[in-house]
Amino acid sequence: MVALSCHFHSINVFQNHLNITSKPAFISCSAQLSQSNIKVIINGAAKEIGRAAVIAVTKARGMEVAGAVDSYQVGEDIGKVCDMQEPLEIPIMNDLTMVLGSISQSKSTGVVVDFTDPSKVYDNVKQAIAFGMNSVVYVPRIKPETVSALSAFCEKASMGCLVAPTLSIGSILLQQAAISASFHYRNVEIVESRETATDLPSADASQIANNLSNLGQIYNREDISTDVLARGQVLGEDGVRVHSLVLPGLPSGTTVYFSGPGEVYSLKHDIVNVECLMPGLILAIRRVVRLKNSQCFWSDWTPIMDPIEEPF
């Protein structure tokens, strides 16, 4: 890509016979090479979140979809799979190594977005690093030991990897607000809603409970017994309870209730569809190319959410 740079110049000219100084002007232009787009490979492109990511990356400034990997709809154009107006002329392939090799030949900055599953993440990131590409990983229920192994490997290779338990900016803001509120209240419970009873309590609710339990507070002292099952599950050792509500048609949501003398303070966040994850994904792609190690969103989200960086 080439950027055109233009400058306005003025010149002082003295005319002796009229004692007038005039300032004629001219414009000079020069061509400068601009930074090339980030080449993004979507691994898990045929999934709902993968299709949303393809559309989001296509619309975002400074990046483009360069590859689509999945074991479903192999050979089909990813643009058509995403119901885009124009095909992207990028077929879905089921061989990550082949896609990485093709993109690496362009010498451009590349990022692999991984939407696969916990058992494949470590090998996928290793492959990406072998071809000089950083990774953004959004795979719920990834094991802590996998994250630790990725951190050690990326640090040794001086390559970046962002492991994101969530890509929702609203979810992160809820976490931060809950931590702030926990210093002012001694009673707290978490209520989450889901359409299906898969993996409950959810990663979001578990993370909030773990964050609050790591602050050295003891909550719900007057009702800390766990004998009554209807009172919900206590996560951690500090009395934080989680209640999971499952009803078809409910949006995925998390509400944190705090209470003190004479008041109740609640924090609520609902997710309607996967589009809410795309601003966070775009921010992660832009940030990961500058990393030289592995980072986890929960512990390092603040610098990633730089307010001067627009998601799109």
Protein backbone atom coordinates (compact mmCIF):
# COMPACT_ATOMS: atom_id res chain seq x y z
CA MET A 1 0.00 0.00 0.00
CA VAL A 2 1.19 3.53 -0.78
CA ALA A 3 0.26 6.69 1.11
CA LEU A 4 0.44 10.10 -0.59
CA SER A 5 1.94 12.84 1.58
CA CYS A 6 1.36 16.46 0.52
CA HIS A 7 2.89 19.63 2.04
CA PHE A 8 2.05 23.31 1.52
CA HIS A 9 5.08 25.63 1.12
CA SER A 10 5.28 29.41 0.97
CA ILE A 11 8.18 31.53 -0.45
CA ASN A 12 8.88 35.18 0.29
CA VAL A 13 9.59 37.25 -2.84
CA PHE A 14 10.74 40.92 -2.63
CA GLN A 15 9.84 43.21 -5.52
CA ASN A 16 12.12 46.28 -5.38
CA HIS A 17 10.21 48.63 -7.55
CA LEU A 18 6.97 48.27 -5.56
CA ASN A 19 8.43 47.51 -2.15
CA ILE A 20 5.98 44.62 -1.87
CA THR A 21 6.72 41.23 -0.46
CA SER A 22 4.51 38.50 -1.88
CA LYS A 23 4.24 34.90 -0.81
CA PRO A 24 3.56 32.58 -3.70
CA ALA A 25 2.80 29.03 -2.68
CA PHE A 26 3.23 25.59 -4.08
CA ILE A 27 2.35 22.08 -3.01
CA SER A 28 4.80 19.22 -3.02
CA CYS A 29 3.71 15.60 -2.86
CA SER A 30 5.69 12.48 -2.11
CA ALA A 31 4.77 8.83 -2.00
CA GLN A 32 5.52 6.86 1.15
CA LEU A 33 5.07 3.19 1.88
CA SER A 34 2.42 2.63 4.57
CA GLN A 35 2.25 -0.26 6.98
CA SER A 36 0.72 -3.36 5.40
CA ASN A 37 -2.41 -4.98 6.78
CA ILE A 38 -2.21 -7.64 9.46
CA LYS A 39 -2.91 -11.02 7.85
CA VAL A 40 -5.46 -12.83 10.02
CA ILE A 41 -6.10 -16.58 9.92
CA ILE A 42 -9.36 -17.72 11.51
CA ASN A 43 -9.04 -21.25 12.92
CA GLY A 44 -12.58 -22.49 13.51
CA ALA A 45 -13.94 -20.29 10.74
CA ALA A 46 -17.12 -22.30 10.07
CA LYS A 47 -18.38 -21.87 13.66
CA GLU A 48 -20.82 -19.09 14.47
CA ILE A 49 -18.13 -17.10 16.24
CA GLY A 50 -15.67 -17.81 13.42
CA ARG A 51 -18.06 -16.44 10.81
CA ALA A 52 -18.65 -13.33 12.92
CA ALA A 53 -14.87 -12.90 13.21
CA VAL A 54 -14.41 -13.09 9.44
CA ILE A 55 -16.95 -10.29 8.94
CA ALA A 56 -15.46 -8.17 11.74
CA VAL A 57 -11.87 -8.50 10.50
CA THR A 58 -12.97 -7.70 6.93
CA LYS A 59 -14.56 -4.46 8.15
CA ALA A 60 -11.72 -3.46 10.49
CA ARG A 61 -8.98 -1.03 9.51
CA GLY A 62 -5.44 -2.31 9.08
CA MET A 63 -6.19 -6.02 8.84
CA GLU A 64 -7.62 -8.57 6.46
CA VAL A 65 -8.69 -12.21 6.44
CA ALA A 66 -5.89 -14.22 4.86
CA GLY A 67 -6.95 -17.77 5.71
CA ALA A 68 -9.84 -19.84 7.03
CA VAL A 69 -9.35 -23.21 8.73
CA ASP A 70 -12.02 -25.70 9.78
CA SER A 71 -12.96 -29.35 9.36
CA TYR A 72 -16.44 -28.41 8.13
CA GLN A 73 -17.46 -26.91 4.77
CA VAL A 74 -13.94 -27.53 3.47
CA GLY A 75 -13.38 -26.00 0.04
CA GLU A 76 -16.21 -23.50 0.28
CA ASP A 77 -15.48 -19.79 0.02
CA ILE A 78 -15.50 -18.30 3.52
CA GLY A 79 -17.18 -15.14 2.22
CA LYS A 80 -20.13 -17.14 0.94
CA VAL A 81 -20.27 -19.19 4.14
CA CYS A 82 -20.57 -15.90 6.04
CA ASP A 83 -23.32 -14.67 3.68
CA MET A 84 -21.21 -11.71 2.61
CA GLN A 85 -22.23 -9.81 -0.52
CA GLU A 86 -19.01 -10.67 -2.32
CA PRO A 87 -16.93 -13.86 -2.04
CA LEU A 88 -13.51 -13.40 -0.43
CA GLU A 89 -11.93 -15.99 -2.72
CA ILE A 90 -10.54 -17.71 0.38
CA PRO A 91 -11.50 -21.40 0.59
CA ILE A 92 -11.92 -23.10 3.94
CA MET A 93 -9.07 -25.56 4.46
CA ASN A 94 -8.61 -28.26 7.08
CA ASP A 95 -4.81 -28.03 7.21
CA LEU A 96 -3.50 -25.22 9.45
CA THR A 97 0.12 -25.90 8.52
CA MET A 98 -0.57 -25.43 4.83
CA VAL A 99 -2.35 -22.12 5.43
CA LEU A 100 0.44 -20.89 7.73
CA GLY A 101 3.07 -21.77 5.13
CA SER A 102 1.21 -19.92 2.42
CA ILE A 103 0.77 -16.75 4.47
CA SER A 104 4.35 -16.77 5.83
CA GLN A 105 5.75 -16.47 2.31
CA SER A 106 4.30 -12.96 2.04
CA LYS A 107 6.57 -11.77 4.91
CA SER A 108 3.61 -9.84 6.34
CA THR A 109 2.62 -9.63 10.00
CA GLY A 110 0.28 -12.52 10.73
CA VAL A 111 -2.07 -13.44 13.57
CA VAL A 112 -3.89 -16.73 14.11
CA VAL A 113 -7.25 -16.50 15.90
CA ASP A 114 -8.00 -19.85 17.55
CA PHE A 115 -11.62 -20.86 18.17
CA THR A 116 -10.96 -24.63 18.25
CA ASP A 117 -10.93 -26.62 21.50
CA PRO A 118 -8.67 -26.96 24.57
CA SER A 119 -6.95 -30.14 23.35
CA LYS A 120 -5.68 -28.46 20.17
CA VAL A 121 -4.67 -25.02 21.41
CA TYR A 122 -1.10 -25.76 22.48
CA ASP A 123 -0.14 -27.44 19.20
CA ASN A 124 -1.88 -24.73 17.18
CA VAL A 125 0.05 -21.94 18.91
CA LYS A 126 3.32 -23.84 18.47
CA GLN A 127 2.66 -24.17 14.74
CA ALA A 128 1.84 -20.47 14.44
CA ILE A 129 5.04 -19.50 16.25
CA ALA A 130 7.07 -21.81 13.99
CA PHE A 131 5.88 -19.70 11.07
CA GLY A 132 6.52 -16.40 12.90
CA MET A 133 2.90 -15.61 13.78
CA ASN A 134 1.30 -14.60 17.07
CA SER A 135 -1.99 -16.04 18.32
CA VAL A 136 -5.22 -14.90 19.94
CA VAL A 137 -6.89 -17.83 21.72
CA TYR A 138 -10.56 -17.80 22.68
CA VAL A 139 -11.34 -21.32 23.82
CA PRO A 140 -13.59 -21.59 26.90
CA ARG A 141 -12.58 -24.12 29.55
CA ILE A 142 -8.94 -24.06 28.60
CA LYS A 143 -6.95 -25.66 31.41
CA PRO A 144 -4.63 -23.53 33.61
CA GLU A 145 -1.73 -25.88 32.92
CA THR A 146 -2.18 -25.29 29.19
CA VAL A 147 -2.04 -21.54 29.75
CA SER A 148 1.12 -21.96 31.85
CA ALA A 149 2.74 -24.11 29.17
CA LEU A 150 1.86 -21.56 26.50
CA SER A 151 3.30 -18.76 28.61
CA ALA A 152 6.61 -20.58 29.04
CA PHE A 153 6.83 -21.53 25.37
CA CYS A 154 5.98 -18.03 24.09
CA GLU A 155 8.43 -16.38 26.46
CA LYS A 156 11.19 -18.69 25.26
CA ALA A 157 10.30 -17.97 21.62
CA SER A 158 9.81 -14.21 22.26
CA MET A 159 6.44 -14.39 20.51
CA GLY A 160 3.07 -13.10 21.63
CA CYS A 161 -0.07 -15.02 22.54
CA LEU A 162 -3.25 -13.66 24.14
CA VAL A 163 -5.40 -16.22 25.96
CA ALA A 164 -8.86 -14.73 26.38
CA PRO A 165 -11.40 -16.41 28.70
CA THR A 166 -13.76 -13.82 27.23
CA LEU A 167 -13.64 -11.30 24.42
CA SER A 168 -16.56 -9.30 25.78
CA ILE A 169 -15.50 -5.85 26.90
CA GLY A 170 -18.68 -5.60 28.98
CA SER A 171 -17.79 -8.79 30.82
CA ILE A 172 -14.35 -7.42 31.70
CA LEU A 173 -15.85 -4.16 32.91
CA LEU A 174 -18.24 -6.17 35.09
CA GLN A 175 -15.28 -8.02 36.59
CA GLN A 176 -13.45 -4.80 37.35
CA ALA A 177 -16.53 -3.18 38.90
CA ALA A 178 -17.18 -6.27 41.06
CA ILE A 179 -13.65 -6.17 42.44
CA SER A 180 -14.03 -2.48 43.30
CA ALA A 181 -17.40 -3.07 45.00
CA SER A 182 -16.11 -6.01 47.04
CA PHE A 183 -14.06 -3.68 49.24
CA HIS A 184 -17.25 -1.93 50.40
CA TYR A 185 -19.69 -4.84 50.87
CA ARG A 186 -19.55 -8.07 52.86
CA ASN A 187 -22.49 -9.89 51.22
CA VAL A 188 -22.25 -11.02 47.61
CA GLU A 189 -23.93 -13.60 45.38
CA ILE A 190 -23.69 -14.29 41.66
CA VAL A 191 -26.68 -15.23 39.51
CA GLU A 192 -26.15 -16.33 35.94
CA SER A 193 -28.62 -17.25 33.20
CA ARG A 194 -28.02 -19.61 30.29
CA GLU A 195 -30.11 -21.27 27.59
CA THR A 196 -28.58 -24.69 28.17
CA ALA A 197 -27.12 -26.48 31.18
CA THR A 198 -23.67 -26.91 29.68
CA ASP A 199 -20.58 -26.27 31.82
CA LEU A 200 -22.18 -24.70 34.86
CA PRO A 201 -21.17 -22.64 36.67
CA SER A 202 -19.90 -20.79 33.61
CA ALA A 203 -16.34 -19.58 33.11
CA ASP A 204 -17.50 -15.98 33.65
CA ALA A 205 -19.22 -16.72 36.97
CA SER A 206 -16.34 -18.88 38.17
CA GLN A 207 -13.81 -16.19 37.30
CA ILE A 208 -15.74 -13.50 39.16
CA ALA A 209 -16.04 -15.74 42.22
CA ASN A 210 -12.34 -16.59 42.11
CA ASN A 211 -11.37 -12.94 41.72
CA LEU A 212 -13.45 -11.94 44.74
CA SER A 213 -12.14 -14.87 46.77
CA ASN A 214 -8.54 -13.84 46.16
CA LEU A 215 -8.98 -10.47 47.88
CA GLY A 216 -8.79 -11.75 51.45
CA GLN A 217 -12.44 -10.94 52.26
CA ILE A 218 -14.95 -13.25 53.94
CA TYR A 219 -18.47 -12.87 52.50
CA ASN A 220 -21.93 -13.86 53.76
CA ARG A 221 -20.72 -14.55 57.29
CA GLU A 222 -24.29 -14.94 58.59
CA ASP A 223 -25.12 -17.62 55.99
CA ILE A 224 -21.86 -19.34 55.20
CA SER A 225 -23.21 -22.89 55.63
CA THR A 226 -23.29 -25.01 52.45
CA ASP A 227 -25.76 -27.62 53.74
CA VAL A 228 -28.79 -26.23 51.85
CA LEU A 229 -28.39 -27.04 48.15
CA ALA A 230 -30.95 -24.43 47.13
CA ARG A 231 -28.58 -21.74 48.40
CA GLY A 232 -26.28 -22.32 45.42
CA GLN A 233 -22.73 -23.51 45.05
CA VAL A 234 -19.95 -21.87 47.04
CA LEU A 235 -16.86 -21.29 44.92
CA GLY A 236 -13.58 -20.78 46.71
CA GLU A 237 -13.16 -20.58 50.47
CA ASP A 238 -14.56 -17.11 51.09
CA GLY A 239 -18.30 -17.72 50.82
CA VAL A 240 -19.08 -16.45 47.29
CA ARG A 241 -22.18 -18.26 46.03
CA VAL A 242 -23.16 -18.88 42.40
CA HIS A 243 -26.72 -19.64 41.24
CA SER A 244 -27.22 -20.89 37.68
CA LEU A 245 -30.59 -20.28 36.01
CA VAL A 246 -31.26 -22.33 32.86
CA LEU A 247 -34.25 -21.56 30.61
CA PRO A 248 -34.55 -21.77 26.80
CA GLY A 249 -34.78 -18.30 25.31
CA LEU A 250 -32.84 -16.56 28.08
CA PRO A 251 -29.88 -14.43 27.02
CA SER A 252 -26.56 -15.40 28.54
CA GLY A 253 -26.20 -13.06 31.46
CA THR A 254 -24.33 -12.58 34.72
CA THR A 255 -25.51 -10.48 37.66
CA VAL A 256 -23.46 -9.80 40.78
CA TYR A 257 -25.45 -8.72 43.83
CA PHE A 258 -23.81 -6.91 46.75
CA SER A 259 -25.63 -5.79 49.86
CA GLY A 260 -24.91 -3.62 52.84
CA PRO A 261 -26.97 -1.97 55.59
CA GLY A 262 -30.09 -0.59 53.91
CA GLU A 263 -29.00 -1.08 50.29
CA VAL A 264 -28.44 -3.55 47.46
CA TYR A 265 -25.94 -2.88 44.71
CA SER A 266 -26.18 -4.98 41.53
CA LEU A 267 -24.01 -5.30 38.43
CA LYS A 268 -25.53 -6.93 35.35
CA HIS A 269 -24.23 -7.90 31.93
CA ASP A 270 -26.14 -9.72 29.17
CA ILE A 271 -24.79 -11.21 25.95
CA VAL A 272 -27.32 -11.36 23.10
CA ASN A 273 -25.09 -12.82 20.37
CA VAL A 274 -21.46 -13.32 19.39
CA GLU A 275 -21.22 -9.88 17.76
CA CYS A 276 -20.54 -8.42 21.21
CA LEU A 277 -17.21 -10.29 21.21
CA MET A 278 -15.90 -8.71 18.02
CA PRO A 279 -14.67 -5.32 19.35
CA GLY A 280 -12.60 -7.19 21.93
CA LEU A 281 -11.27 -9.52 19.24
CA ILE A 282 -10.15 -6.64 17.04
CA LEU A 283 -8.40 -4.96 19.99
CA ALA A 284 -6.68 -8.26 20.83
CA ILE A 285 -5.41 -8.74 17.27
CA ARG A 286 -3.95 -5.23 17.22
CA ARG A 287 -2.29 -5.69 20.59
CA VAL A 288 -0.91 -9.22 20.22
CA VAL A 289 1.41 -8.27 17.36
CA ARG A 290 3.35 -6.14 19.88
CA LEU A 291 3.66 -8.84 22.54
CA LYS A 292 6.74 -10.95 23.16
CA ASN A 293 5.17 -13.42 25.58
CA SER A 294 1.85 -14.96 26.60
CA GLN A 295 -0.73 -12.93 28.48
CA CYS A 296 -4.17 -13.65 29.89
CA PHE A 297 -6.96 -11.09 29.46
CA TRP A 298 -8.21 -11.31 33.01
CA SER A 299 -4.90 -10.20 34.48
CA ASP A 300 -3.87 -7.77 31.76
CA TRP A 301 -7.01 -6.37 30.19
CA THR A 302 -6.49 -2.71 31.22
CA PRO A 303 -3.61 -1.94 28.83
CA ILE A 304 -5.36 -3.91 26.08
CA MET A 305 -8.46 -1.75 26.46
CA ASP A 306 -6.53 1.41 25.65
CA PRO A 307 -9.23 4.09 25.16
CA ILE A 308 -7.26 5.74 22.35
CA GLU A 309 -7.55 2.56 20.27
CA GLU A 310 -10.80 2.25 18.36
CA PRO A 311 -11.97 -1.33 17.84
CA PHE A 312 -12.87 -0.78 14.19
